[in-house]
Protein backbone atom coordinates (compact mmCIF):
# COMPACT_ATOMS: atom_id res chain seq x y z
CA UNK A 1 -13.54 -18.62 19.26
CA UNK A 2 -11.57 -20.35 16.76
CA UNK A 3 -7.71 -19.09 16.35
CA UNK A 4 -8.11 -18.53 12.81
CA UNK A 5 -11.18 -16.12 13.66
CA UNK A 6 -8.42 -13.30 14.69
CA UNK A 7 -7.83 -12.89 10.98
CA UNK A 8 -11.32 -12.15 9.94
CA UNK A 9 -12.23 -8.51 8.77
CA UNK A 10 -15.82 -9.22 8.91
CA UNK A 11 -17.74 -5.93 9.74
CA UNK A 12 -14.83 -3.74 8.64
CA UNK A 13 -14.95 -1.11 5.88
CA UNK A 14 -11.54 -0.51 3.82
CA UNK A 15 -10.34 1.91 1.42
CA UNK A 16 -7.69 1.07 -1.04
CA UNK A 17 -6.01 4.07 -2.88
CA UNK A 18 -4.37 2.99 -5.87
CA UNK A 19 -6.85 -0.11 -5.78
CA UNK A 20 -6.86 -0.38 -9.59
CA UNK A 21 -3.20 -1.34 -10.02
CA UNK A 22 -1.86 -4.78 -9.79
CA UNK A 23 -0.98 -4.95 -5.98
CA UNK A 24 -3.94 -2.71 -5.07
CA UNK A 25 -6.35 -5.16 -6.99
CA UNK A 26 -5.12 -8.25 -5.15
CA UNK A 27 -5.28 -6.51 -1.93
CA UNK A 28 -8.82 -5.47 -2.53
CA UNK A 29 -9.74 -9.07 -3.43
CA UNK A 30 -7.96 -10.20 -0.30
CA UNK A 31 -9.47 -7.75 2.10
CA UNK A 32 -13.24 -8.81 0.60
CA UNK A 33 -12.28 -12.47 1.09
CA UNK A 34 -11.30 -11.98 4.66
CA UNK A 35 -14.77 -10.24 4.91
CA UNK A 36 -14.35 -6.57 4.50
CA UNK A 37 -16.43 -4.36 2.39
CA UNK A 38 -13.88 -2.65 0.02
CA UNK A 39 -13.73 1.13 -1.45
CA UNK A 40 -11.42 0.79 -4.45
CA UNK A 41 -9.91 4.04 -5.28
CA UNK A 42 -7.93 5.04 -8.13
CA UNK A 43 -7.09 7.91 -10.38
CA UNK A 44 -8.42 6.19 -13.29
CA UNK A 45 -11.90 5.08 -12.83
CA UNK A 46 -12.22 2.38 -15.18
CA UNK A 47 -9.22 0.50 -13.45
CA UNK A 48 -10.90 0.85 -9.97
CA UNK A 49 -14.06 -0.35 -11.68
CA UNK A 50 -12.43 -3.42 -13.07
CA UNK A 51 -10.91 -4.20 -9.70
CA UNK A 52 -14.27 -3.71 -7.89
CA UNK A 53 -15.75 -6.23 -10.37
CA UNK A 54 -13.23 -8.66 -9.68
CA UNK A 55 -14.07 -8.48 -5.87
CA UNK A 56 -17.71 -8.92 -6.64
CA UNK A 57 -17.31 -11.61 -9.23
CA UNK A 58 -15.49 -13.49 -6.07
CA UNK A 59 -18.64 -12.96 -3.84
CA UNK A 60 -17.20 -9.66 -2.05
CA UNK A 61 -18.68 -6.25 -1.69
CA UNK A 62 -17.01 -3.49 -3.26
CA UNK A 63 -17.67 0.10 -4.67
CA UNK A 64 -15.24 2.01 -7.36
CA UNK A 65 -14.33 5.43 -7.02
CA UNK A 66 -12.17 7.93 -9.11
CA UNK A 67 -9.70 9.40 -6.76
CA UNK A 68 -6.48 11.34 -6.99
CA UNK A 69 -4.59 10.41 -3.80
CA UNK A 70 -2.47 13.76 -3.79
CA UNK A 71 -5.57 15.77 -3.86
CA UNK A 72 -7.38 16.36 -0.47
CA UNK A 73 -10.80 17.00 -1.76
CA UNK A 74 -10.66 13.92 -3.56
CA UNK A 75 -9.61 11.99 -0.55
CA UNK A 76 -12.34 13.66 1.56
CA UNK A 77 -14.90 12.40 -1.04
CA UNK A 78 -13.70 9.15 -0.92
CA UNK A 79 -14.01 8.90 2.56
CA UNK A 80 -17.31 10.42 2.68
CA UNK A 81 -18.46 7.91 -0.10
CA UNK A 82 -17.21 4.85 2.36
CA UNK A 83 -19.35 6.32 5.20
CA UNK A 84 -22.32 7.17 3.04
CA UNK A 85 -22.44 3.59 1.63
CA UNK A 86 -21.02 1.34 4.57
CA UNK A 87 -21.65 3.74 7.46
CA UNK A 88 -18.01 3.62 8.64
CA UNK A 89 -14.43 3.45 7.64
CA UNK A 90 -12.01 1.23 9.59
CA UNK A 91 -9.32 0.32 7.33
CA UNK A 92 -6.84 1.99 5.03
CA UNK A 93 -4.35 0.31 2.51
CA UNK A 94 -2.11 2.98 0.73
CA UNK A 95 -1.17 1.42 -2.61
CA UNK A 96 -0.27 4.46 -4.66
CA UNK A 97 3.44 4.52 -5.67
CA UNK A 98 6.22 3.78 -8.23
CA UNK A 99 7.56 5.75 -11.02
CA UNK A 100 11.27 5.00 -9.75
CA UNK A 101 12.65 3.91 -13.17
CA UNK A 102 11.18 6.77 -15.15
CA UNK A 103 13.38 9.49 -13.78
CA UNK A 104 16.95 8.29 -12.96
CA UNK A 105 19.44 10.90 -12.26
CA UNK A 106 22.84 11.31 -10.83
CA UNK A 107 22.22 12.44 -6.95
CA UNK A 108 24.32 15.76 -7.61
CA UNK A 109 22.22 16.67 -10.73
CA UNK A 110 18.96 15.47 -9.52
CA UNK A 111 16.26 18.23 -10.90
CA UNK A 112 13.51 19.51 -8.89
CA UNK A 113 10.55 18.82 -11.28
CA UNK A 114 11.51 14.90 -11.21
CA UNK A 115 12.13 15.01 -7.43
CA UNK A 116 8.67 16.67 -6.83
CA UNK A 117 7.04 14.29 -9.20
CA UNK A 118 8.39 11.33 -7.39
CA UNK A 119 7.77 12.77 -3.85
CA UNK A 120 4.06 13.47 -4.99
CA UNK A 121 3.62 10.01 -6.41
CA UNK A 122 5.14 8.06 -3.42
CA UNK A 123 4.91 10.29 -0.08
CA UNK A 124 2.21 12.64 -0.76
CA UNK A 125 -0.11 10.11 -2.04
CA UNK A 126 0.32 8.30 1.40
CA UNK A 127 -0.05 11.47 3.33
CA UNK A 128 -3.17 12.87 2.08
CA UNK A 129 -5.34 9.88 2.11
CA UNK A 130 -4.31 8.91 5.66
CA UNK A 131 -4.98 12.19 6.95
CA UNK A 132 -8.61 12.01 5.47
CA UNK A 133 -9.04 8.27 6.76
CA UNK A 134 -7.76 9.12 10.07
CA UNK A 135 -10.03 11.99 10.70
CA UNK A 136 -12.83 9.85 10.00
CA UNK A 137 -11.67 7.04 12.40
CA UNK A 138 -11.05 9.60 15.07
CA UNK A 139 -14.64 10.77 14.92
CA UNK A 140 -15.81 7.23 14.91
CA UNK A 141 -13.94 6.68 18.22
CA UNK A 142 -13.27 2.91 17.44
CA UNK A 143 -9.86 2.91 16.34
CA UNK A 144 -8.47 1.87 12.86
CA UNK A 145 -5.89 0.04 11.15
CA UNK A 146 -3.61 1.34 8.26
CA UNK A 147 -1.20 -0.30 6.18
CA UNK A 148 1.34 1.81 3.86
CA UNK A 149 3.24 0.37 0.88
CA UNK A 150 6.98 0.84 1.21
CA UNK A 151 9.88 -0.61 -0.83
CA UNK A 152 13.19 -2.47 -0.22
CA UNK A 153 14.68 0.86 -1.60
CA UNK A 154 13.77 2.48 1.84
CA UNK A 155 16.56 0.42 3.45
CA UNK A 156 19.11 -0.24 0.28
CA UNK A 157 20.81 2.37 -1.76
CA UNK A 158 21.38 1.61 -5.55
CA UNK A 159 23.86 2.91 -7.93
CA UNK A 160 21.38 3.85 -10.48
CA UNK A 161 19.87 7.35 -9.86
CA UNK A 162 17.01 6.66 -7.37
CA UNK A 163 17.72 9.49 -4.95
CA UNK A 164 14.17 10.77 -4.91
CA UNK A 165 12.50 7.26 -4.74
CA UNK A 166 14.68 6.01 -1.82
CA UNK A 167 13.96 9.25 0.08
CA UNK A 168 10.27 9.08 -0.46
CA UNK A 169 10.17 5.26 0.62
CA UNK A 170 12.25 5.98 3.61
CA UNK A 171 9.99 8.87 4.50
CA UNK A 172 7.02 6.52 4.25
CA UNK A 173 8.46 4.25 6.81
CA UNK A 174 9.27 7.23 9.00
CA UNK A 175 5.69 8.33 8.93
CA UNK A 176 4.46 5.03 9.78
CA UNK A 177 6.53 5.01 12.89
CA UNK A 178 5.39 8.83 13.72
CA UNK A 179 1.77 8.10 12.81
CA UNK A 180 1.78 4.84 14.89
CA UNK A 181 3.07 6.82 18.14
CA UNK A 182 0.78 9.71 17.60
CA UNK A 183 -2.36 7.93 16.93
CA UNK A 184 -1.89 4.99 19.39
CA UNK A 185 -4.16 7.04 21.80
CA UNK A 186 -7.05 6.75 19.42
CA UNK A 187 -6.72 2.88 18.96
CA UNK A 188 -5.12 3.29 15.59
CA UNK A 189 -2.66 0.98 14.27
CA UNK A 190 -0.06 1.82 11.55
CA UNK A 191 2.24 -0.57 9.87
CA UNK A 192 3.66 -1.31 6.36
CA UNK A 193 4.95 -3.79 3.96
CA UNK A 194 8.39 -3.40 2.07
CA UNK A 195 8.48 -5.51 -1.05
CA UNK A 196 11.19 -6.01 -3.53
CA UNK A 197 10.29 -6.34 -7.23
CA UNK A 198 6.81 -7.66 -7.58
CA UNK A 199 5.97 -9.20 -10.90
CA UNK A 200 3.32 -6.79 -12.09
CA UNK A 201 2.69 -4.95 -15.50
CA UNK A 202 4.67 -1.80 -14.10
CA UNK A 203 7.88 -3.74 -14.00
CA UNK A 204 7.18 -6.34 -16.87
CA UNK A 205 9.77 -4.67 -19.14
CA UNK A 206 12.50 -5.09 -16.76
CA UNK A 207 11.66 -8.60 -15.67
CA UNK A 208 11.33 -9.52 -19.49
CA UNK A 209 15.20 -8.94 -19.56
CA UNK A 210 16.55 -12.26 -18.61
CA UNK A 211 19.92 -10.98 -17.71
CA UNK A 212 18.09 -8.39 -15.31
CA UNK A 213 15.85 -11.15 -13.94
CA UNK A 214 18.72 -13.57 -13.69
CA UNK A 215 20.89 -11.02 -11.75
CA UNK A 216 17.94 -9.99 -9.30
CA UNK A 217 16.73 -13.73 -8.56
CA UNK A 218 20.44 -14.54 -7.72
CA UNK A 219 20.26 -12.02 -4.84
CA UNK A 220 16.92 -13.47 -3.41
CA UNK A 221 17.63 -16.37 -1.23
CA UNK A 222 13.93 -17.95 -1.85
CA UNK A 223 14.97 -17.87 -5.54
CA UNK A 224 12.26 -15.96 -7.24
CA UNK A 225 10.49 -12.72 -7.70
CA UNK A 226 7.68 -12.11 -5.44
CA UNK A 227 4.05 -11.93 -7.09
CA UNK A 228 0.98 -9.94 -6.02
CA UNK A 229 -0.26 -12.87 -3.87
CA UNK A 230 2.76 -12.66 -1.72
CA UNK A 231 1.59 -9.09 -0.54
CA UNK A 232 -1.84 -10.02 0.47
CA UNK A 233 -1.28 -12.20 3.50
CA UNK A 234 0.64 -9.82 5.14
CA UNK A 235 -1.62 -6.98 4.68
CA UNK A 236 -4.65 -8.91 5.93
CA UNK A 237 -2.43 -9.92 9.10
CA UNK A 238 -1.37 -6.61 9.88
CA UNK A 239 -5.15 -5.35 9.51
CA UNK A 240 -6.37 -8.15 11.51
CA UNK A 241 -6.79 -8.77 15.37
CA UNK A 242 -3.97 -11.28 14.90
CA UNK A 243 -1.71 -8.18 14.84
CA UNK A 244 -3.70 -6.41 17.55
CA UNK A 245 -0.26 -5.64 19.38
CA UNK A 246 1.99 -4.77 16.25
CA UNK A 247 2.24 -1.05 15.30
CA UNK A 248 4.83 1.22 13.94
CA UNK A 249 6.42 -1.83 11.97
CA UNK A 250 7.23 -2.32 8.49
CA UNK A 251 7.43 -6.22 7.27
CA UNK A 252 9.90 -6.98 4.77
CA UNK A 253 8.60 -8.94 1.79
CA UNK A 254 11.39 -9.74 -0.28
CA UNK A 255 12.38 -13.32 -0.34
CA UNK A 256 15.02 -12.79 2.25
CA UNK A 257 16.95 -10.01 0.10
CA UNK A 258 17.53 -7.44 2.86
CA UNK A 259 18.60 -10.15 4.92
CA UNK A 260 21.88 -10.68 2.66
CA UNK A 261 22.72 -6.88 2.40
């Protein structure tokens, strides 16, 4: 067997909540290129369909589903659709999240409605699809692999009103460790990635400010902002047999940012 074969995802079926977003779409294409069949799920069906079309245009196998990652029934339907179409579910990459810059408040005044919204978007959106997917993985009895999307803000405070966001991402990393511990008995590995700013439409306005971007890049040792393709290699690695003895870990994808702080 070639050493490169351990990175193959041939024969595996993946569910990607948030697969219609910039990072999720890139992840979906990468999983398909590595051999997986992909269920692209997104709250907005047309975005999921566009991402699935992109996978198929590159020779991959994908279907698109409308799914709200915070709603149990939606997540159960997505898992059922994966099993109905492909016969199984092996991989989950949780790509839903964001909203940090839209609700900024001083920590002592952070309002409950904004707090709850950020927690729904960044924490519950990881919890609910993972529970649905893992129930199926346990039923199959053949293990499984999960990757959660975190942020450098799980580790780094910022004087800019991000209390809810940093709490949510910190909780995602804590759950990654907890789930890895609980589900190891079922052969299910759980890991995460921890990016800094990624050049996507979601942060285009911020990165379009030359002063902001220069300040950000000056703190990144590799001297640039990450792109969506910088995320995909780590995700494929963590889902593959190359990472067979890695679980409960979150890999920093930040150009060295957290190494300096």
